[in-house]
Amino acid sequence: MCDSARCSQATHHPCHRPVWTEHAERTKTFIGQLGTTRKTERTRLQADHDRALRIVADIDAASTMNEASA
């Protein structure tokens, strides 16, 4: 991914979408494998999963806006 010190949008470039999509899928799988007693880990991973999904949605929205304006 881009260097966040040099690029304020480092996580939101279209070329990073596959990485974020894979991260969301793996996190979802891992959450599904956690036992019911692992609430702290589940909460942390759910927040991480939600962030990855939000970034993918932001990338898609930006791509759609760029295509519409072209």
PDB file of N, CA and C in Angstrom:
ATOM      1  N   MET A   1       0.830  -1.180   0.000  1.00  0.00           N
ATOM      2  CA  MET A   1       0.000   0.000   0.000  1.00  0.00           C
ATOM      3  C   MET A   1       0.878   1.249   0.000  1.00  0.00           C
ATOM      4  N   CYS A   2       0.268   2.345  -0.255  1.00  0.00           N
ATOM      5  CA  CYS A   2       0.997   3.608  -0.294  1.00  0.00           C
ATOM      6  C   CYS A   2       1.514   3.981   1.080  1.00  0.00           C
ATOM      7  N   ASP A   3       2.501   4.822   1.110  1.00  0.00           N
ATOM      8  CA  ASP A   3       3.076   5.331   2.339  1.00  0.00           C
ATOM      9  C   ASP A   3       2.149   6.417   2.883  1.00  0.00           C
ATOM     10  N   SER A   4       1.553   6.176   4.037  1.00  0.00           N
ATOM     11  CA  SER A   4       0.583   7.130   4.578  1.00  0.00           C
ATOM     12  C   SER A   4       1.221   8.462   4.958  1.00  0.00           C
ATOM     13  N   ALA A   5       2.518   8.497   5.160  1.00  0.00           N
ATOM     14  CA  ALA A   5       3.194   9.764   5.454  1.00  0.00           C
ATOM     15  C   ALA A   5       3.220  10.666   4.231  1.00  0.00           C
ATOM     16  N   ARG A   6       3.154  10.077   3.059  1.00  0.00           N
ATOM     17  CA  ARG A   6       3.213  10.850   1.817  1.00  0.00           C
ATOM     18  C   ARG A   6       1.858  10.991   1.136  1.00  0.00           C
ATOM     19  N   CYS A   7       0.927  10.121   1.494  1.00  0.00           N
ATOM     20  CA  CYS A   7      -0.351  10.099   0.790  1.00  0.00           C
ATOM     21  C   CYS A   7      -1.494  10.050   1.803  1.00  0.00           C
ATOM     22  N   SER A   8      -2.272  11.096   1.861  1.00  0.00           N
ATOM     23  CA  SER A   8      -3.364  11.153   2.837  1.00  0.00           C
ATOM     24  C   SER A   8      -4.473  10.146   2.532  1.00  0.00           C
ATOM     25  N   GLN A   9      -4.529   9.647   1.320  1.00  0.00           N
ATOM     26  CA  GLN A   9      -5.542   8.681   0.918  1.00  0.00           C
ATOM     27  C   GLN A   9      -4.924   7.294   0.751  1.00  0.00           C
ATOM     28  N   ALA A  10      -3.924   6.962   1.515  1.00  0.00           N
ATOM     29  CA  ALA A  10      -3.141   5.746   1.308  1.00  0.00           C
ATOM     30  C   ALA A  10      -3.981   4.477   1.293  1.00  0.00           C
ATOM     31  N   THR A  11      -5.028   4.422   2.060  1.00  0.00           N
ATOM     32  CA  THR A  11      -5.809   3.192   2.126  1.00  0.00           C
ATOM     33  C   THR A  11      -6.973   3.188   1.149  1.00  0.00           C
ATOM     34  N   HIS A  12      -7.179   4.275   0.452  1.00  0.00           N
ATOM     35  CA  HIS A  12      -8.382   4.399  -0.368  1.00  0.00           C
ATOM     36  C   HIS A  12      -8.146   4.411  -1.870  1.00  0.00           C
ATOM     37  N   HIS A  13      -6.975   4.006  -2.310  1.00  0.00           N
ATOM     38  CA  HIS A  13      -6.723   3.937  -3.743  1.00  0.00           C
ATOM     39  C   HIS A  13      -7.383   2.690  -4.321  1.00  0.00           C
ATOM     40  N   PRO A  14      -7.929   2.776  -5.525  1.00  0.00           N
ATOM     41  CA  PRO A  14      -8.578   1.616  -6.149  1.00  0.00           C
ATOM     42  C   PRO A  14      -7.679   0.388  -6.248  1.00  0.00           C
ATOM     43  N   CYS A  15      -6.392   0.586  -6.395  1.00  0.00           N
ATOM     44  CA  CYS A  15      -5.490  -0.560  -6.505  1.00  0.00           C
ATOM     45  C   CYS A  15      -5.394  -1.353  -5.197  1.00  0.00           C
ATOM     46  N   HIS A  16      -5.844  -0.765  -4.087  1.00  0.00           N
ATOM     47  CA  HIS A  16      -5.802  -1.449  -2.800  1.00  0.00           C
ATOM     48  C   HIS A  16      -7.091  -2.199  -2.489  1.00  0.00           C
ATOM     49  N   ARG A  17      -8.095  -2.093  -3.343  1.00  0.00           N
ATOM     50  CA  ARG A  17      -9.383  -2.735  -3.079  1.00  0.00           C
ATOM     51  C   ARG A  17      -9.253  -4.243  -2.864  1.00  0.00           C
ATOM     52  N   PRO A  18      -8.483  -4.961  -3.698  1.00  0.00           N
ATOM     53  CA  PRO A  18      -8.361  -6.414  -3.466  1.00  0.00           C
ATOM     54  C   PRO A  18      -7.767  -6.763  -2.096  1.00  0.00           C
ATOM     55  N   VAL A  19      -6.839  -5.960  -1.632  1.00  0.00           N
ATOM     56  CA  VAL A  19      -6.228  -6.214  -0.330  1.00  0.00           C
ATOM     57  C   VAL A  19      -7.258  -6.046   0.778  1.00  0.00           C
ATOM     58  N   TRP A  20      -8.039  -4.961   0.716  1.00  0.00           N
ATOM     59  CA  TRP A  20      -9.059  -4.718   1.733  1.00  0.00           C
ATOM     60  C   TRP A  20     -10.184  -5.744   1.651  1.00  0.00           C
ATOM     61  N   THR A  21     -10.538  -6.160   0.453  1.00  0.00           N
ATOM     62  CA  THR A  21     -11.584  -7.170   0.299  1.00  0.00           C
ATOM     63  C   THR A  21     -11.134  -8.493   0.911  1.00  0.00           C
ATOM     64  N   GLU A  22      -9.919  -8.889   0.625  1.00  0.00           N
ATOM     65  CA  GLU A  22      -9.391 -10.130   1.195  1.00  0.00           C
ATOM     66  C   GLU A  22      -9.304 -10.035   2.717  1.00  0.00           C
ATOM     67  N   HIS A  23      -8.882  -8.894   3.218  1.00  0.00           N
ATOM     68  CA  HIS A  23      -8.792  -8.699   4.665  1.00  0.00           C
ATOM     69  C   HIS A  23     -10.173  -8.842   5.309  1.00  0.00           C
ATOM     70  N   ALA A  24     -11.188  -8.258   4.695  1.00  0.00           N
ATOM     71  CA  ALA A  24     -12.549  -8.361   5.234  1.00  0.00           C
ATOM     72  C   ALA A  24     -13.023  -9.812   5.233  1.00  0.00           C
ATOM     73  N   GLU A  25     -12.754 -10.533   4.160  1.00  0.00           N
ATOM     74  CA  GLU A  25     -13.179 -11.929   4.074  1.00  0.00           C
ATOM     75  C   GLU A  25     -12.476 -12.795   5.112  1.00  0.00           C
ATOM     76  N   ARG A  26     -11.180 -12.603   5.259  1.00  0.00           N
ATOM     77  CA  ARG A  26     -10.429 -13.406   6.243  1.00  0.00           C
ATOM     78  C   ARG A  26     -10.865 -13.081   7.666  1.00  0.00           C
ATOM     79  N   THR A  27     -11.098 -11.806   7.945  1.00  0.00           N
ATOM     80  CA  THR A  27     -11.538 -11.416   9.276  1.00  0.00           C
ATOM     81  C   THR A  27     -12.903 -12.007   9.578  1.00  0.00           C
ATOM     82  N   LYS A  28     -13.796 -11.989   8.606  1.00  0.00           N
ATOM     83  CA  LYS A  28     -15.129 -12.562   8.801  1.00  0.00           C
ATOM     84  C   LYS A  28     -15.027 -14.064   9.088  1.00  0.00           C
ATOM     85  N   THR A  29     -14.175 -14.747   8.364  1.00  0.00           N
ATOM     86  CA  THR A  29     -13.975 -16.184   8.590  1.00  0.00           C
ATOM     87  C   THR A  29     -13.447 -16.429   9.993  1.00  0.00           C
ATOM     88  N   PHE A  30     -12.470 -15.642  10.396  1.00  0.00           N
ATOM     89  CA  PHE A  30     -11.880 -15.816  11.717  1.00  0.00           C
ATOM     90  C   PHE A  30     -12.903 -15.540  12.815  1.00  0.00           C
ATOM     91  N   ILE A  31     -13.721 -14.507  12.640  1.00  0.00           N
ATOM     92  CA  ILE A  31     -14.768 -14.202  13.621  1.00  0.00           C
ATOM     93  C   ILE A  31     -15.704 -15.394  13.763  1.00  0.00           C
ATOM     94  N   GLY A  32     -16.047 -16.013  12.648  1.00  0.00           N
ATOM     95  CA  GLY A  32     -16.933 -17.170  12.671  1.00  0.00           C
ATOM     96  C   GLY A  32     -16.353 -18.368  13.387  1.00  0.00           C
ATOM     97  N   GLN A  33     -15.036 -18.438  13.503  1.00  0.00           N
ATOM     98  CA  GLN A  33     -14.381 -19.567  14.152  1.00  0.00           C
ATOM     99  C   GLN A  33     -14.152 -19.342  15.643  1.00  0.00           C
ATOM    100  N   LEU A  34     -14.381 -18.120  16.122  1.00  0.00           N
ATOM    101  CA  LEU A  34     -14.169 -17.839  17.536  1.00  0.00           C
ATOM    102  C   LEU A  34     -15.269 -18.461  18.381  1.00  0.00           C
ATOM    103  N   GLY A  35     -14.896 -18.915  19.532  1.00  0.00           N
ATOM    104  CA  GLY A  35     -15.874 -19.446  20.471  1.00  0.00           C
ATOM    105  C   GLY A  35     -16.677 -18.318  21.105  1.00  0.00           C
ATOM    106  N   THR A  36     -17.779 -18.672  21.730  1.00  0.00           N
ATOM    107  CA  THR A  36     -18.661 -17.656  22.319  1.00  0.00           C
ATOM    108  C   THR A  36     -18.036 -16.961  23.523  1.00  0.00           C
ATOM    109  N   THR A  37     -17.033 -17.554  24.137  1.00  0.00           N
ATOM    110  CA  THR A  37     -16.406 -16.938  25.307  1.00  0.00           C
ATOM    111  C   THR A  37     -15.363 -15.891  24.948  1.00  0.00           C
ATOM    112  N   ARG A  38     -15.037 -15.747  23.699  1.00  0.00           N
ATOM    113  CA  ARG A  38     -13.975 -14.818  23.257  1.00  0.00           C
ATOM    114  C   ARG A  38     -14.574 -13.491  22.815  1.00  0.00           C
ATOM    115  N   LYS A  39     -15.305 -12.865  23.718  1.00  0.00           N
ATOM    116  CA  LYS A  39     -16.043 -11.634  23.396  1.00  0.00           C
ATOM    117  C   LYS A  39     -15.132 -10.452  23.092  1.00  0.00           C
ATOM    118  N   THR A  40     -14.037 -10.313  23.813  1.00  0.00           N
ATOM    119  CA  THR A  40     -13.122  -9.189  23.580  1.00  0.00           C
ATOM    120  C   THR A  40     -12.516  -9.273  22.191  1.00  0.00           C
ATOM    121  N   GLU A  41     -12.051 -10.459  21.820  1.00  0.00           N
ATOM    122  CA  GLU A  41     -11.468 -10.644  20.500  1.00  0.00           C
ATOM    123  C   GLU A  41     -12.514 -10.439  19.413  1.00  0.00           C
ATOM    124  N   ARG A  42     -13.716 -10.942  19.652  1.00  0.00           N
ATOM    125  CA  ARG A  42     -14.803 -10.795  18.680  1.00  0.00           C
ATOM    126  C   ARG A  42     -15.130  -9.316  18.451  1.00  0.00           C
ATOM    127  N   THR A  43     -15.195  -8.553  19.520  1.00  0.00           N
ATOM    128  CA  THR A  43     -15.492  -7.119  19.412  1.00  0.00           C
ATOM    129  C   THR A  43     -14.407  -6.398  18.619  1.00  0.00           C
ATOM    130  N   ARG A  44     -13.155  -6.695  18.930  1.00  0.00           N
ATOM    131  CA  ARG A  44     -12.033  -6.055  18.233  1.00  0.00           C
ATOM    132  C   ARG A  44     -12.023  -6.423  16.756  1.00  0.00           C
ATOM    133  N   LEU A  45     -12.214  -7.706  16.478  1.00  0.00           N
ATOM    134  CA  LEU A  45     -12.200  -8.156  15.083  1.00  0.00           C
ATOM    135  C   LEU A  45     -13.409  -7.638  14.309  1.00  0.00           C
ATOM    136  N   GLN A  46     -14.551  -7.509  14.976  1.00  0.00           N
ATOM    137  CA  GLN A  46     -15.733  -6.984  14.298  1.00  0.00           C
ATOM    138  C   GLN A  46     -15.498  -5.534  13.881  1.00  0.00           C
ATOM    139  N   ALA A  47     -14.868  -4.754  14.752  1.00  0.00           N
ATOM    140  CA  ALA A  47     -14.545  -3.367  14.409  1.00  0.00           C
ATOM    141  C   ALA A  47     -13.575  -3.315  13.229  1.00  0.00           C
ATOM    142  N   ASP A  48     -12.610  -4.208  13.209  1.00  0.00           N
ATOM    143  CA  ASP A  48     -11.646  -4.280  12.111  1.00  0.00           C
ATOM    144  C   ASP A  48     -12.351  -4.681  10.811  1.00  0.00           C
ATOM    145  N   HIS A  49     -13.264  -5.630  10.898  1.00  0.00           N
ATOM    146  CA  HIS A  49     -14.035  -6.080   9.735  1.00  0.00           C
ATOM    147  C   HIS A  49     -14.906  -4.947   9.206  1.00  0.00           C
ATOM    148  N   ASP A  50     -15.575  -4.245  10.107  1.00  0.00           N
ATOM    149  CA  ASP A  50     -16.423  -3.120   9.703  1.00  0.00           C
ATOM    150  C   ASP A  50     -15.607  -2.031   9.008  1.00  0.00           C
ATOM    151  N   ARG A  51     -14.399  -1.767   9.508  1.00  0.00           N
ATOM    152  CA  ARG A  51     -13.523  -0.767   8.887  1.00  0.00           C
ATOM    153  C   ARG A  51     -13.144  -1.197   7.474  1.00  0.00           C
ATOM    154  N   ALA A  52     -12.778  -2.453   7.312  1.00  0.00           N
ATOM    155  CA  ALA A  52     -12.396  -2.942   5.983  1.00  0.00           C
ATOM    156  C   ALA A  52     -13.560  -2.827   5.008  1.00  0.00           C
ATOM    157  N   LEU A  53     -14.760  -3.178   5.452  1.00  0.00           N
ATOM    158  CA  LEU A  53     -15.934  -3.059   4.579  1.00  0.00           C
ATOM    159  C   LEU A  53     -16.219  -1.602   4.231  1.00  0.00           C
ATOM    160  N   ARG A  54     -16.042  -0.704   5.205  1.00  0.00           N
ATOM    161  CA  ARG A  54     -16.270   0.723   4.958  1.00  0.00           C
ATOM    162  C   ARG A  54     -15.269   1.256   3.931  1.00  0.00           C
ATOM    163  N   ILE A  55     -14.021   0.834   4.027  1.00  0.00           N
ATOM    164  CA  ILE A  55     -13.001   1.289   3.081  1.00  0.00           C
ATOM    165  C   ILE A  55     -13.306   0.769   1.677  1.00  0.00           C
ATOM    166  N   VAL A  56     -13.708  -0.492   1.561  1.00  0.00           N
ATOM    167  CA  VAL A  56     -14.077  -1.042   0.251  1.00  0.00           C
ATOM    168  C   VAL A  56     -15.248  -0.251  -0.333  1.00  0.00           C
ATOM    169  N   ALA A  57     -16.238   0.059   0.503  1.00  0.00           N
ATOM    170  CA  ALA A  57     -17.391   0.840   0.036  1.00  0.00           C
ATOM    171  C   ALA A  57     -16.961   2.241  -0.393  1.00  0.00           C
ATOM    172  N   ASP A  58     -16.032   2.855   0.358  1.00  0.00           N
ATOM    173  CA  ASP A  58     -15.530   4.186  -0.008  1.00  0.00           C
ATOM    174  C   ASP A  58     -14.775   4.148  -1.333  1.00  0.00           C
ATOM    175  N   ILE A  59     -13.974   3.111  -1.528  1.00  0.00           N
ATOM    176  CA  ILE A  59     -13.240   2.966  -2.788  1.00  0.00           C
ATOM    177  C   ILE A  59     -14.231   2.814  -3.948  1.00  0.00           C
ATOM    178  N   ASP A  60     -15.254   1.981  -3.744  1.00  0.00           N
ATOM    179  CA  ASP A  60     -16.268   1.787  -4.788  1.00  0.00           C
ATOM    180  C   ASP A  60     -17.012   3.079  -5.087  1.00  0.00           C
ATOM    181  N   ALA A  61     -17.360   3.826  -4.045  1.00  0.00           N
ATOM    182  CA  ALA A  61     -18.075   5.088  -4.234  1.00  0.00           C
ATOM    183  C   ALA A  61     -17.214   6.094  -4.993  1.00  0.00           C
ATOM    184  N   ALA A  62     -15.939   6.160  -4.640  1.00  0.00           N
ATOM    185  CA  ALA A  62     -15.034   7.088  -5.334  1.00  0.00           C
ATOM    186  C   ALA A  62     -14.863   6.687  -6.792  1.00  0.00           C
ATOM    187  N   SER A  63     -14.781   5.393  -7.045  1.00  0.00           N
ATOM    188  CA  SER A  63     -14.634   4.912  -8.426  1.00  0.00           C
ATOM    189  C   SER A  63     -15.875   5.240  -9.238  1.00  0.00           C
ATOM    190  N   THR A  64     -17.033   5.084  -8.633  1.00  0.00           N
ATOM    191  CA  THR A  64     -18.299   5.385  -9.321  1.00  0.00           C
ATOM    192  C   THR A  64     -18.385   6.866  -9.641  1.00  0.00           C
ATOM    193  N   MET A  65     -17.978   7.716  -8.691  1.00  0.00           N
ATOM    194  CA  MET A  65     -18.021   9.170  -8.924  1.00  0.00           C
ATOM    195  C   MET A  65     -17.039   9.561 -10.013  1.00  0.00           C
ATOM    196  N   ASN A  66     -15.866   8.938 -10.022  1.00  0.00           N
ATOM    197  CA  ASN A  66     -14.868   9.258 -11.058  1.00  0.00           C
ATOM    198  C   ASN A  66     -15.348   8.840 -12.436  1.00  0.00           C
ATOM    199  N   GLU A  67     -16.028   7.698 -12.531  1.00  0.00           N
ATOM    200  CA  GLU A  67     -16.549   7.235 -13.813  1.00  0.00           C
ATOM    201  C   GLU A  67     -17.690   8.117 -14.288  1.00  0.00           C
ATOM    202  N   ALA A  68     -18.516   8.596 -13.384  1.00  0.00           N
ATOM    203  CA  ALA A  68     -19.657   9.434 -13.743  1.00  0.00           C
ATOM    204  C   ALA A  68     -19.202  10.800 -14.238  1.00  0.00           C
ATOM    205  N   SER A  69     -18.103  11.305 -13.689  1.00  0.00           N
ATOM    206  CA  SER A  69     -17.624  12.617 -14.092  1.00  0.00           C
ATOM    207  C   SER A  69     -16.766  12.583 -15.342  1.00  0.00           C
ATOM    208  N   ALA A  70     -16.382  11.402 -15.768  1.00  0.00           N
ATOM    209  CA  ALA A  70     -15.519  11.280 -16.953  1.00  0.00           C
ATOM    210  C   ALA A  70     -16.288  11.388 -18.236  1.00  0.00           C
TER     211      ALA A  70
END
